[in-house]
Amino acid sequence: MHLPTPHFSPLPLYAKVIALIFIVGFVLIGIVGLILPIIPGVLFLFLAALLLTRVSRRASAYAHSRPWFRKHLQSWRASAGLSWGQRARLSFWVAARAVVQGVGAGVSGIYRALRR
């Protein structure tokens, strides 16, 4: 399914400043998440990219031209019809899955290091 490129509407200056603070925070958490397997780093990097598309017209055009971003944006928009309770449950299960996968990757790394 093809998503049309949304109409870019610029944010007010105060919203851009707040968004940029969140973008920097999400990028830092995302980088830490790429190093530490317990934190889902890719999720925070995606959130930073999503916010950046709301701040910058150029970033919006670039991101929407990429199939990976469009695919994940479609999944993001599919959750818009969920109630807040359903979103909270979905967020819990996604976070729980990420933690379990991170712990599993950490244990696997430790096991491989001890076998050597």
PDB file of N, CA and C in Angstrom:
ATOM      1  N   MET A   1       0.838  -1.166   0.000  1.00  0.00           N
ATOM      2  CA  MET A   1       0.000   0.000   0.000  1.00  0.00           C
ATOM      3  C   MET A   1       0.888   1.236   0.000  1.00  0.00           C
ATOM      4  N   HIS A   2       0.556   2.184  -0.811  1.00  0.00           N
ATOM      5  CA  HIS A   2       1.355   3.391  -0.938  1.00  0.00           C
ATOM      6  C   HIS A   2       0.737   4.503  -0.102  1.00  0.00           C
ATOM      7  N   LEU A   3       1.550   5.098   0.736  1.00  0.00           N
ATOM      8  CA  LEU A   3       1.090   6.230   1.530  1.00  0.00           C
ATOM      9  C   LEU A   3       1.451   7.519   0.808  1.00  0.00           C
ATOM     10  N   PRO A   4       0.507   8.421   0.659  1.00  0.00           N
ATOM     11  CA  PRO A   4       0.862   9.693   0.037  1.00  0.00           C
ATOM     12  C   PRO A   4       1.758  10.506   0.963  1.00  0.00           C
ATOM     13  N   THR A   5       2.589  11.328   0.370  1.00  0.00           N
ATOM     14  CA  THR A   5       3.432  12.201   1.167  1.00  0.00           C
ATOM     15  C   THR A   5       2.536  13.241   1.823  1.00  0.00           C
ATOM     16  N   PRO A   6       2.569  13.321   3.145  1.00  0.00           N
ATOM     17  CA  PRO A   6       1.675  14.261   3.803  1.00  0.00           C
ATOM     18  C   PRO A   6       2.069  15.704   3.536  1.00  0.00           C
ATOM     19  N   HIS A   7       1.086  16.561   3.607  1.00  0.00           N
ATOM     20  CA  HIS A   7       1.327  17.987   3.443  1.00  0.00           C
ATOM     21  C   HIS A   7       2.123  18.475   4.644  1.00  0.00           C
ATOM     22  N   PHE A   8       3.231  19.114   4.384  1.00  0.00           N
ATOM     23  CA  PHE A   8       4.093  19.598   5.464  1.00  0.00           C
ATOM     24  C   PHE A   8       3.564  20.935   5.957  1.00  0.00           C
ATOM     25  N   SER A   9       3.272  21.003   7.240  1.00  0.00           N
ATOM     26  CA  SER A   9       2.854  22.271   7.834  1.00  0.00           C
ATOM     27  C   SER A   9       3.876  22.629   8.917  1.00  0.00           C
ATOM     28  N   PRO A  10       4.513  23.791   8.793  1.00  0.00           N
ATOM     29  CA  PRO A  10       5.559  24.156   9.753  1.00  0.00           C
ATOM     30  C   PRO A  10       4.990  24.360  11.155  1.00  0.00           C
ATOM     31  N   LEU A  11       5.797  24.009  12.130  1.00  0.00           N
ATOM     32  CA  LEU A  11       5.423  24.186  13.530  1.00  0.00           C
ATOM     33  C   LEU A  11       5.824  25.578  13.997  1.00  0.00           C
ATOM     34  N   PRO A  12       5.151  26.088  15.033  1.00  0.00           N
ATOM     35  CA  PRO A  12       5.614  27.352  15.626  1.00  0.00           C
ATOM     36  C   PRO A  12       6.988  27.174  16.261  1.00  0.00           C
ATOM     37  N   LEU A  13       7.677  28.280  16.493  1.00  0.00           N
ATOM     38  CA  LEU A  13       9.050  28.238  16.992  1.00  0.00           C
ATOM     39  C   LEU A  13       9.169  27.508  18.325  1.00  0.00           C
ATOM     40  N   TYR A  14       8.257  27.755  19.260  1.00  0.00           N
ATOM     41  CA  TYR A  14       8.347  27.083  20.562  1.00  0.00           C
ATOM     42  C   TYR A  14       8.179  25.573  20.416  1.00  0.00           C
ATOM     43  N   ALA A  15       7.330  25.139  19.498  1.00  0.00           N
ATOM     44  CA  ALA A  15       7.139  23.700  19.272  1.00  0.00           C
ATOM     45  C   ALA A  15       8.383  23.087  18.628  1.00  0.00           C
ATOM     46  N   LYS A  16       9.035  23.847  17.744  1.00  0.00           N
ATOM     47  CA  LYS A  16      10.268  23.346  17.127  1.00  0.00           C
ATOM     48  C   LYS A  16      11.364  23.164  18.170  1.00  0.00           C
ATOM     49  N   VAL A  17      11.482  24.115  19.091  1.00  0.00           N
ATOM     50  CA  VAL A  17      12.507  24.020  20.130  1.00  0.00           C
ATOM     51  C   VAL A  17      12.252  22.807  21.018  1.00  0.00           C
ATOM     52  N   ILE A  18      11.009  22.617  21.423  1.00  0.00           N
ATOM     53  CA  ILE A  18      10.655  21.456  22.246  1.00  0.00           C
ATOM     54  C   ILE A  18      10.918  20.169  21.476  1.00  0.00           C
ATOM     55  N   ALA A  19      10.522  20.133  20.193  1.00  0.00           N
ATOM     56  CA  ALA A  19      10.743  18.941  19.372  1.00  0.00           C
ATOM     57  C   ALA A  19      12.231  18.652  19.223  1.00  0.00           C
ATOM     58  N   LEU A  20      13.045  19.681  19.047  1.00  0.00           N
ATOM     59  CA  LEU A  20      14.485  19.469  18.908  1.00  0.00           C
ATOM     60  C   LEU A  20      15.102  18.921  20.191  1.00  0.00           C
ATOM     61  N   ILE A  21      14.606  19.363  21.339  1.00  0.00           N
ATOM     62  CA  ILE A  21      15.084  18.816  22.610  1.00  0.00           C
ATOM     63  C   ILE A  21      14.751  17.331  22.693  1.00  0.00           C
ATOM     64  N   PHE A  22      13.514  16.973  22.318  1.00  0.00           N
ATOM     65  CA  PHE A  22      13.122  15.560  22.316  1.00  0.00           C
ATOM     66  C   PHE A  22      13.922  14.762  21.294  1.00  0.00           C
ATOM     67  N   ILE A  23      14.189  15.343  20.128  1.00  0.00           N
ATOM     68  CA  ILE A  23      14.963  14.647  19.095  1.00  0.00           C
ATOM     69  C   ILE A  23      16.356  14.320  19.613  1.00  0.00           C
ATOM     70  N   VAL A  24      17.002  15.296  20.236  1.00  0.00           N
ATOM     71  CA  VAL A  24      18.343  15.055  20.786  1.00  0.00           C
ATOM     72  C   VAL A  24      18.284  13.961  21.852  1.00  0.00           C
ATOM     73  N   GLY A  25      17.281  14.013  22.717  1.00  0.00           N
ATOM     74  CA  GLY A  25      17.132  12.982  23.747  1.00  0.00           C
ATOM     75  C   GLY A  25      16.902  11.607  23.148  1.00  0.00           C
ATOM     76  N   PHE A  26      16.015  11.537  22.145  1.00  0.00           N
ATOM     77  CA  PHE A  26      15.744  10.249  21.510  1.00  0.00           C
ATOM     78  C   PHE A  26      16.973   9.708  20.793  1.00  0.00           C
ATOM     79  N   VAL A  27      17.747  10.571  20.152  1.00  0.00           N
ATOM     80  CA  VAL A  27      18.961  10.111  19.470  1.00  0.00           C
ATOM     81  C   VAL A  27      19.969   9.582  20.491  1.00  0.00           C
ATOM     82  N   LEU A  28      20.138  10.294  21.598  1.00  0.00           N
ATOM     83  CA  LEU A  28      21.071   9.818  22.625  1.00  0.00           C
ATOM     84  C   LEU A  28      20.627   8.474  23.201  1.00  0.00           C
ATOM     85  N   ILE A  29      19.341   8.346  23.519  1.00  0.00           N
ATOM     86  CA  ILE A  29      18.840   7.065  24.028  1.00  0.00           C
ATOM     87  C   ILE A  29      18.963   5.985  22.959  1.00  0.00           C
ATOM     88  N   GLY A  30      18.718   6.346  21.696  1.00  0.00           N
ATOM     89  CA  GLY A  30      18.844   5.380  20.605  1.00  0.00           C
ATOM     90  C   GLY A  30      20.264   4.875  20.447  1.00  0.00           C
ATOM     91  N   ILE A  31      21.238   5.771  20.565  1.00  0.00           N
ATOM     92  CA  ILE A  31      22.639   5.352  20.448  1.00  0.00           C
ATOM     93  C   ILE A  31      23.016   4.445  21.616  1.00  0.00           C
ATOM     94  N   VAL A  32      22.589   4.817  22.819  1.00  0.00           N
ATOM     95  CA  VAL A  32      22.834   3.952  23.979  1.00  0.00           C
ATOM     96  C   VAL A  32      22.145   2.606  23.770  1.00  0.00           C
ATOM     97  N   GLY A  33      20.949   2.638  23.195  1.00  0.00           N
ATOM     98  CA  GLY A  33      20.215   1.398  22.936  1.00  0.00           C
ATOM     99  C   GLY A  33      20.877   0.504  21.906  1.00  0.00           C
ATOM    100  N   LEU A  34      21.613   1.099  20.986  1.00  0.00           N
ATOM    101  CA  LEU A  34      22.339   0.273  20.024  1.00  0.00           C
ATOM    102  C   LEU A  34      23.528  -0.417  20.676  1.00  0.00           C
ATOM    103  N   ILE A  35      24.076   0.218  21.723  1.00  0.00           N
ATOM    104  CA  ILE A  35      25.215  -0.364  22.434  1.00  0.00           C
ATOM    105  C   ILE A  35      24.733  -1.376  23.470  1.00  0.00           C
ATOM    106  N   LEU A  36      23.743  -0.978  24.263  1.00  0.00           N
ATOM    107  CA  LEU A  36      23.187  -1.865  25.291  1.00  0.00           C
ATOM    108  C   LEU A  36      21.983  -2.606  24.717  1.00  0.00           C
ATOM    109  N   PRO A  37      21.982  -3.910  24.788  1.00  0.00           N
ATOM    110  CA  PRO A  37      20.893  -4.652  24.156  1.00  0.00           C
ATOM    111  C   PRO A  37      19.566  -4.585  24.908  1.00  0.00           C
ATOM    112  N   ILE A  38      19.525  -4.014  26.105  1.00  0.00           N
ATOM    113  CA  ILE A  38      18.279  -3.987  26.873  1.00  0.00           C
ATOM    114  C   ILE A  38      17.347  -2.883  26.391  1.00  0.00           C
ATOM    115  N   ILE A  39      17.892  -1.763  25.914  1.00  0.00           N
ATOM    116  CA  ILE A  39      17.087  -0.634  25.456  1.00  0.00           C
ATOM    117  C   ILE A  39      16.842  -0.782  23.950  1.00  0.00           C
ATOM    118  N   PRO A  40      15.598  -0.647  23.488  1.00  0.00           N
ATOM    119  CA  PRO A  40      15.322  -0.757  22.043  1.00  0.00           C
ATOM    120  C   PRO A  40      15.780   0.502  21.300  1.00  0.00           C
ATOM    121  N   GLY A  41      17.020   0.543  20.875  1.00  0.00           N
ATOM    122  CA  GLY A  41      17.603   1.730  20.268  1.00  0.00           C
ATOM    123  C   GLY A  41      16.954   2.143  18.970  1.00  0.00           C
ATOM    124  N   VAL A  42      16.592   1.185  18.134  1.00  0.00           N
ATOM    125  CA  VAL A  42      16.002   1.506  16.840  1.00  0.00           C
ATOM    126  C   VAL A  42      14.664   2.220  17.020  1.00  0.00           C
ATOM    127  N   LEU A  43      13.907   1.857  18.026  1.00  0.00           N
ATOM    128  CA  LEU A  43      12.631   2.510  18.298  1.00  0.00           C
ATOM    129  C   LEU A  43      12.839   3.989  18.602  1.00  0.00           C
ATOM    130  N   PHE A  44      13.825   4.323  19.420  1.00  0.00           N
ATOM    131  CA  PHE A  44      14.067   5.718  19.764  1.00  0.00           C
ATOM    132  C   PHE A  44      14.627   6.489  18.573  1.00  0.00           C
ATOM    133  N   LEU A  45      15.435   5.841  17.748  1.00  0.00           N
ATOM    134  CA  LEU A  45      15.924   6.511  16.540  1.00  0.00           C
ATOM    135  C   LEU A  45      14.780   6.769  15.567  1.00  0.00           C
ATOM    136  N   PHE A  46      13.825   5.833  15.475  1.00  0.00           N
ATOM    137  CA  PHE A  46      12.652   6.040  14.629  1.00  0.00           C
ATOM    138  C   PHE A  46      11.812   7.204  15.157  1.00  0.00           C
ATOM    139  N   LEU A  47      11.634   7.273  16.477  1.00  0.00           N
ATOM    140  CA  LEU A  47      10.875   8.386  17.055  1.00  0.00           C
ATOM    141  C   LEU A  47      11.569   9.722  16.779  1.00  0.00           C
ATOM    142  N   ALA A  48      12.899   9.737  16.844  1.00  0.00           N
ATOM    143  CA  ALA A  48      13.638  10.958  16.527  1.00  0.00           C
ATOM    144  C   ALA A  48      13.428  11.341  15.062  1.00  0.00           C
ATOM    145  N   ALA A  49      13.476  10.358  14.166  1.00  0.00           N
ATOM    146  CA  ALA A  49      13.249  10.638  12.742  1.00  0.00           C
ATOM    147  C   ALA A  49      11.819  11.117  12.509  1.00  0.00           C
ATOM    148  N   LEU A  50      10.872  10.517  13.210  1.00  0.00           N
ATOM    149  CA  LEU A  50       9.474  10.917  13.060  1.00  0.00           C
ATOM    150  C   LEU A  50       9.280  12.364  13.504  1.00  0.00           C
ATOM    151  N   LEU A  51       9.865  12.732  14.624  1.00  0.00           N
ATOM    152  CA  LEU A  51       9.774  14.121  15.077  1.00  0.00           C
ATOM    153  C   LEU A  51      10.509  15.071  14.132  1.00  0.00           C
ATOM    154  N   LEU A  52      11.641  14.631  13.607  1.00  0.00           N
ATOM    155  CA  LEU A  52      12.395  15.473  12.690  1.00  0.00           C
ATOM    156  C   LEU A  52      11.592  15.767  11.425  1.00  0.00           C
ATOM    157  N   THR A  53      10.775  14.829  10.984  1.00  0.00           N
ATOM    158  CA  THR A  53       9.944  15.071   9.806  1.00  0.00           C
ATOM    159  C   THR A  53       8.875  16.125  10.077  1.00  0.00           C
ATOM    160  N   ARG A  54       8.554  16.361  11.338  1.00  0.00           N
ATOM    161  CA  ARG A  54       7.587  17.404  11.691  1.00  0.00           C
ATOM    162  C   ARG A  54       8.260  18.775  11.796  1.00  0.00           C
ATOM    163  N   VAL A  55       9.592  18.789  11.966  1.00  0.00           N
ATOM    164  CA  VAL A  55      10.325  20.037  12.138  1.00  0.00           C
ATOM    165  C   VAL A  55      10.904  20.530  10.814  1.00  0.00           C
ATOM    166  N   SER A  56      11.431  19.615  10.000  1.00  0.00           N
ATOM    167  CA  SER A  56      12.159  19.989   8.791  1.00  0.00           C
ATOM    168  C   SER A  56      11.451  19.490   7.536  1.00  0.00           C
ATOM    169  N   ARG A  57      11.226  20.405   6.604  1.00  0.00           N
ATOM    170  CA  ARG A  57      10.595  20.044   5.324  1.00  0.00           C
ATOM    171  C   ARG A  57      11.505  19.106   4.531  1.00  0.00           C
ATOM    172  N   ARG A  58      12.809  19.355   4.550  1.00  0.00           N
ATOM    173  CA  ARG A  58      13.758  18.527   3.808  1.00  0.00           C
ATOM    174  C   ARG A  58      13.819  17.113   4.381  1.00  0.00           C
ATOM    175  N   ALA A  59      13.845  17.014   5.713  1.00  0.00           N
ATOM    176  CA  ALA A  59      13.861  15.692   6.356  1.00  0.00           C
ATOM    177  C   ALA A  59      12.558  14.948   6.071  1.00  0.00           C
ATOM    178  N   SER A  60      11.455  15.670   6.023  1.00  0.00           N
ATOM    179  CA  SER A  60      10.166  15.038   5.725  1.00  0.00           C
ATOM    180  C   SER A  60      10.163  14.448   4.316  1.00  0.00           C
ATOM    181  N   ALA A  61      10.634  15.232   3.342  1.00  0.00           N
ATOM    182  CA  ALA A  61      10.673  14.742   1.960  1.00  0.00           C
ATOM    183  C   ALA A  61      11.607  13.546   1.832  1.00  0.00           C
ATOM    184  N   TYR A  62      12.766  13.610   2.486  1.00  0.00           N
ATOM    185  CA  TYR A  62      13.724  12.515   2.412  1.00  0.00           C
ATOM    186  C   TYR A  62      13.173  11.240   3.053  1.00  0.00           C
ATOM    187  N   ALA A  63      12.607  11.374   4.258  1.00  0.00           N
ATOM    188  CA  ALA A  63      12.106  10.193   4.975  1.00  0.00           C
ATOM    189  C   ALA A  63      10.948   9.542   4.239  1.00  0.00           C
ATOM    190  N   HIS A  64      10.057  10.347   3.695  1.00  0.00           N
ATOM    191  CA  HIS A  64       8.903   9.769   3.013  1.00  0.00           C
ATOM    192  C   HIS A  64       9.256   9.169   1.656  1.00  0.00           C
ATOM    193  N   SER A  65      10.464   9.423   1.178  1.00  0.00           N
ATOM    194  CA  SER A  65      10.898   8.800  -0.072  1.00  0.00           C
ATOM    195  C   SER A  65      11.526   7.427   0.171  1.00  0.00           C
ATOM    196  N   ARG A  66      11.713   7.045   1.425  1.00  0.00           N
ATOM    197  CA  ARG A  66      12.335   5.772   1.784  1.00  0.00           C
ATOM    198  C   ARG A  66      11.267   4.728   2.119  1.00  0.00           C
ATOM    199  N   PRO A  67      11.323   3.542   1.472  1.00  0.00           N
ATOM    200  CA  PRO A  67      10.315   2.495   1.733  1.00  0.00           C
ATOM    201  C   PRO A  67      10.297   2.026   3.189  1.00  0.00           C
ATOM    202  N   TRP A  68      11.460   1.933   3.838  1.00  0.00           N
ATOM    203  CA  TRP A  68      11.498   1.466   5.224  1.00  0.00           C
ATOM    204  C   TRP A  68      10.707   2.404   6.122  1.00  0.00           C
ATOM    205  N   PHE A  69      10.908   3.707   5.948  1.00  0.00           N
ATOM    206  CA  PHE A  69      10.218   4.682   6.778  1.00  0.00           C
ATOM    207  C   PHE A  69       8.721   4.651   6.495  1.00  0.00           C
ATOM    208  N   ARG A  70       8.341   4.571   5.233  1.00  0.00           N
ATOM    209  CA  ARG A  70       6.907   4.527   4.894  1.00  0.00           C
ATOM    210  C   ARG A  70       6.240   3.304   5.492  1.00  0.00           C
ATOM    211  N   LYS A  71       6.940   2.160   5.473  1.00  0.00           N
ATOM    212  CA  LYS A  71       6.359   0.934   6.035  1.00  0.00           C
ATOM    213  C   LYS A  71       6.117   1.089   7.529  1.00  0.00           C
ATOM    214  N   HIS A  72       7.095   1.614   8.249  1.00  0.00           N
ATOM    215  CA  HIS A  72       6.939   1.780   9.691  1.00  0.00           C
ATOM    216  C   HIS A  72       5.967   2.900  10.037  1.00  0.00           C
ATOM    217  N   LEU A  73       5.907   3.916   9.195  1.00  0.00           N
ATOM    218  CA  LEU A  73       4.939   4.987   9.409  1.00  0.00           C
ATOM    219  C   LEU A  73       3.516   4.455   9.240  1.00  0.00           C
ATOM    220  N   GLN A  74       3.323   3.546   8.307  1.00  0.00           N
ATOM    221  CA  GLN A  74       2.007   2.935   8.121  1.00  0.00           C
ATOM    222  C   GLN A  74       1.614   2.137   9.360  1.00  0.00           C
ATOM    223  N   SER A  75       2.545   1.398   9.940  1.00  0.00           N
ATOM    224  CA  SER A  75       2.263   0.670  11.183  1.00  0.00           C
ATOM    225  C   SER A  75       1.950   1.636  12.315  1.00  0.00           C
ATOM    226  N   TRP A  76       2.677   2.747  12.372  1.00  0.00           N
ATOM    227  CA  TRP A  76       2.463   3.762  13.400  1.00  0.00           C
ATOM    228  C   TRP A  76       1.058   4.340  13.284  1.00  0.00           C
ATOM    229  N   ARG A  77       0.650   4.649  12.049  1.00  0.00           N
ATOM    230  CA  ARG A  77      -0.680   5.237  11.831  1.00  0.00           C
ATOM    231  C   ARG A  77      -1.794   4.227  12.065  1.00  0.00           C
ATOM    232  N   ALA A  78      -1.507   2.950  11.908  1.00  0.00           N
ATOM    233  CA  ALA A  78      -2.539   1.929  12.133  1.00  0.00           C
ATOM    234  C   ALA A  78      -2.965   1.890  13.588  1.00  0.00           C
ATOM    235  N   SER A  79      -2.084   2.297  14.479  1.00  0.00           N
ATOM    236  CA  SER A  79      -2.437   2.294  15.897  1.00  0.00           C
ATOM    237  C   SER A  79      -3.258   3.519  16.295  1.00  0.00           C
ATOM    238  N   ALA A  80      -3.503   4.430  15.370  1.00  0.00           N
ATOM    239  CA  ALA A  80      -4.255   5.648  15.692  1.00  0.00           C
ATOM    240  C   ALA A  80      -5.706   5.333  16.061  1.00  0.00           C
ATOM    241  N   GLY A  81      -6.237   4.220  15.577  1.00  0.00           N
ATOM    242  CA  GLY A  81      -7.616   3.869  15.875  1.00  0.00           C
ATOM    243  C   GLY A  81      -7.795   3.158  17.203  1.00  0.00           C
ATOM    244  N   LEU A  82      -6.712   2.898  17.913  1.00  0.00           N
ATOM    245  CA  LEU A  82      -6.803   2.199  19.190  1.00  0.00           C
ATOM    246  C   LEU A  82      -7.155   3.167  20.318  1.00  0.00           C
ATOM    247  N   SER A  83      -7.825   2.642  21.324  1.00  0.00           N
ATOM    248  CA  SER A  83      -8.108   3.453  22.504  1.00  0.00           C
ATOM    249  C   SER A  83      -6.823   3.609  23.315  1.00  0.00           C
ATOM    250  N   TRP A  84      -6.842   4.522  24.300  1.00  0.00           N
ATOM    251  CA  TRP A  84      -5.652   4.733  25.122  1.00  0.00           C
ATOM    252  C   TRP A  84      -5.279   3.484  25.899  1.00  0.00           C
ATOM    253  N   GLY A  85      -6.265   2.750  26.375  1.00  0.00           N
ATOM    254  CA  GLY A  85      -5.983   1.506  27.087  1.00  0.00           C
ATOM    255  C   GLY A  85      -5.321   0.475  26.194  1.00  0.00           C
ATOM    256  N   GLN A  86      -5.821   0.361  24.963  1.00  0.00           N
ATOM    257  CA  GLN A  86      -5.230  -0.579  24.015  1.00  0.00           C
ATOM    258  C   GLN A  86      -3.812  -0.154  23.637  1.00  0.00           C
ATOM    259  N   ARG A  87      -3.606   1.151  23.485  1.00  0.00           N
ATOM    260  CA  ARG A  87      -2.258   1.644  23.175  1.00  0.00           C
ATOM    261  C   ARG A  87      -1.302   1.355  24.327  1.00  0.00           C
ATOM    262  N   ALA A  88      -1.782   1.530  25.557  1.00  0.00           N
ATOM    263  CA  ALA A  88      -0.930   1.258  26.724  1.00  0.00           C
ATOM    264  C   ALA A  88      -0.560  -0.225  26.769  1.00  0.00           C
ATOM    265  N   ARG A  89      -1.523  -1.114  26.524  1.00  0.00           N
ATOM    266  CA  ARG A  89      -1.229  -2.549  26.516  1.00  0.00           C
ATOM    267  C   ARG A  89      -0.259  -2.901  25.397  1.00  0.00           C
ATOM    268  N   LEU A  90      -0.482  -2.332  24.215  1.00  0.00           N
ATOM    269  CA  LEU A  90       0.411  -2.586  23.085  1.00  0.00           C
ATOM    270  C   LEU A  90       1.823  -2.094  23.398  1.00  0.00           C
ATOM    271  N   SER A  91       1.936  -0.905  23.988  1.00  0.00           N
ATOM    272  CA  SER A  91       3.254  -0.371  24.365  1.00  0.00           C
ATOM    273  C   SER A  91       3.932  -1.267  25.389  1.00  0.00           C
ATOM    274  N   PHE A  92       3.161  -1.753  26.351  1.00  0.00           N
ATOM    275  CA  PHE A  92       3.725  -2.652  27.360  1.00  0.00           C
ATOM    276  C   PHE A  92       4.281  -3.907  26.711  1.00  0.00           C
ATOM    277  N   TRP A  93       3.519  -4.518  25.822  1.00  0.00           N
ATOM    278  CA  TRP A  93       3.970  -5.769  25.211  1.00  0.00           C
ATOM    279  C   TRP A  93       5.161  -5.556  24.280  1.00  0.00           C
ATOM    280  N   VAL A  94       5.188  -4.436  23.571  1.00  0.00           N
ATOM    281  CA  VAL A  94       6.341  -4.139  22.710  1.00  0.00           C
ATOM    282  C   VAL A  94       7.586  -3.925  23.564  1.00  0.00           C
ATOM    283  N   ALA A  95       7.444  -3.171  24.661  1.00  0.00           N
ATOM    284  CA  ALA A  95       8.579  -2.936  25.552  1.00  0.00           C
ATOM    285  C   ALA A  95       9.027  -4.232  26.220  1.00  0.00           C
ATOM    286  N   ALA A  96       8.070  -5.068  26.637  1.00  0.00           N
ATOM    287  CA  ALA A  96       8.417  -6.344  27.274  1.00  0.00           C
ATOM    288  C   ALA A  96       9.168  -7.237  26.289  1.00  0.00           C
ATOM    289  N   ARG A  97       8.711  -7.268  25.049  1.00  0.00           N
ATOM    290  CA  ARG A  97       9.393  -8.069  24.036  1.00  0.00           C
ATOM    291  C   ARG A  97      10.819  -7.571  23.815  1.00  0.00           C
ATOM    292  N   ALA A  98      10.991  -6.247  23.775  1.00  0.00           N
ATOM    293  CA  ALA A  98      12.325  -5.676  23.574  1.00  0.00           C
ATOM    294  C   ALA A  98      13.246  -6.011  24.742  1.00  0.00           C
ATOM    295  N   VAL A  99      12.727  -5.954  25.958  1.00  0.00           N
ATOM    296  CA  VAL A  99      13.540  -6.283  27.131  1.00  0.00           C
ATOM    297  C   VAL A  99      13.942  -7.750  27.109  1.00  0.00           C
ATOM    298  N   VAL A 100      12.989  -8.626  26.797  1.00  0.00           N
ATOM    299  CA  VAL A 100      13.290 -10.064  26.743  1.00  0.00           C
ATOM    300  C   VAL A 100      14.330 -10.350  25.662  1.00  0.00           C
ATOM    301  N   GLN A 101      14.180  -9.733  24.496  1.00  0.00           N
ATOM    302  CA  GLN A 101      15.163  -9.936  23.435  1.00  0.00           C
ATOM    303  C   GLN A 101      16.525  -9.381  23.838  1.00  0.00           C
ATOM    304  N   GLY A 102      16.538  -8.229  24.513  1.00  0.00           N
ATOM    305  CA  GLY A 102      17.797  -7.644  24.967  1.00  0.00           C
ATOM    306  C   GLY A 102      18.494  -8.502  25.995  1.00  0.00           C
ATOM    307  N   VAL A 103      17.735  -9.002  26.951  1.00  0.00           N
ATOM    308  CA  VAL A 103      18.321  -9.876  27.977  1.00  0.00           C
ATOM    309  C   VAL A 103      18.824 -11.158  27.321  1.00  0.00           C
ATOM    310  N   GLY A 104      18.051 -11.689  26.382  1.00  0.00           N
ATOM    311  CA  GLY A 104      18.485 -12.897  25.670  1.00  0.00           C
ATOM    312  C   GLY A 104      19.766 -12.667  24.894  1.00  0.00           C
ATOM    313  N   ALA A 105      19.876 -11.516  24.253  1.00  0.00           N
ATOM    314  CA  ALA A 105      21.100 -11.206  23.513  1.00  0.00           C
ATOM    315  C   ALA A 105      22.279 -11.028  24.466  1.00  0.00           C
ATOM    316  N   GLY A 106      22.035 -10.402  25.612  1.00  0.00           N
ATOM    317  CA  GLY A 106      23.102 -10.233  26.602  1.00  0.00           C
ATOM    318  C   GLY A 106      23.575 -11.554  27.159  1.00  0.00           C
ATOM    319  N   VAL A 107      22.640 -12.437  27.503  1.00  0.00           N
ATOM    320  CA  VAL A 107      22.999 -13.761  28.030  1.00  0.00           C
ATOM    321  C   VAL A 107      23.732 -14.562  26.967  1.00  0.00           C
ATOM    322  N   SER A 108      23.270 -14.475  25.734  1.00  0.00           N
ATOM    323  CA  SER A 108      23.930 -15.188  24.645  1.00  0.00           C
ATOM    324  C   SER A 108      25.358 -14.673  24.457  1.00  0.00           C
ATOM    325  N   GLY A 109      25.557 -13.360  24.532  1.00  0.00           N
ATOM    326  CA  GLY A 109      26.903 -12.799  24.406  1.00  0.00           C
ATOM    327  C   GLY A 109      27.819 -13.235  25.529  1.00  0.00           C
ATOM    328  N   ILE A 110      27.285 -13.239  26.744  1.00  0.00           N
ATOM    329  CA  ILE A 110      28.079 -13.684  27.890  1.00  0.00           C
ATOM    330  C   ILE A 110      28.436 -15.170  27.743  1.00  0.00           C
ATOM    331  N   TYR A 111      27.467 -15.974  27.314  1.00  0.00           N
ATOM    332  CA  TYR A 111      27.702 -17.408  27.132  1.00  0.00           C
ATOM    333  C   TYR A 111      28.795 -17.646  26.088  1.00  0.00           C
ATOM    334  N   ARG A 112      28.721 -16.901  24.969  1.00  0.00           N
ATOM    335  CA  ARG A 112      29.745 -17.053  23.929  1.00  0.00           C
ATOM    336  C   ARG A 112      31.108 -16.620  24.436  1.00  0.00           C
ATOM    337  N   ALA A 113      31.152 -15.539  25.239  1.00  0.00           N
ATOM    338  CA  ALA A 113      32.432 -15.066  25.761  1.00  0.00           C
ATOM    339  C   ALA A 113      33.032 -16.076  26.747  1.00  0.00           C
ATOM    340  N   LEU A 114      32.198 -16.732  27.531  1.00  0.00           N
ATOM    341  CA  LEU A 114      32.704 -17.709  28.488  1.00  0.00           C
ATOM    342  C   LEU A 114      33.151 -18.999  27.816  1.00  0.00           C
ATOM    343  N   ARG A 115      32.564 -19.334  26.690  1.00  0.00           N
ATOM    344  CA  ARG A 115      32.944 -20.555  25.974  1.00  0.00           C
ATOM    345  C   ARG A 115      34.325 -20.439  25.357  1.00  0.00           C
ATOM    346  N   ARG A 116      34.800 -19.249  25.115  1.00  0.00           N
ATOM    347  CA  ARG A 116      36.100 -19.056  24.447  1.00  0.00           C
ATOM    348  C   ARG A 116      37.221 -19.247  25.388  1.00  0.00           C
TER     349      ARG A 116
END
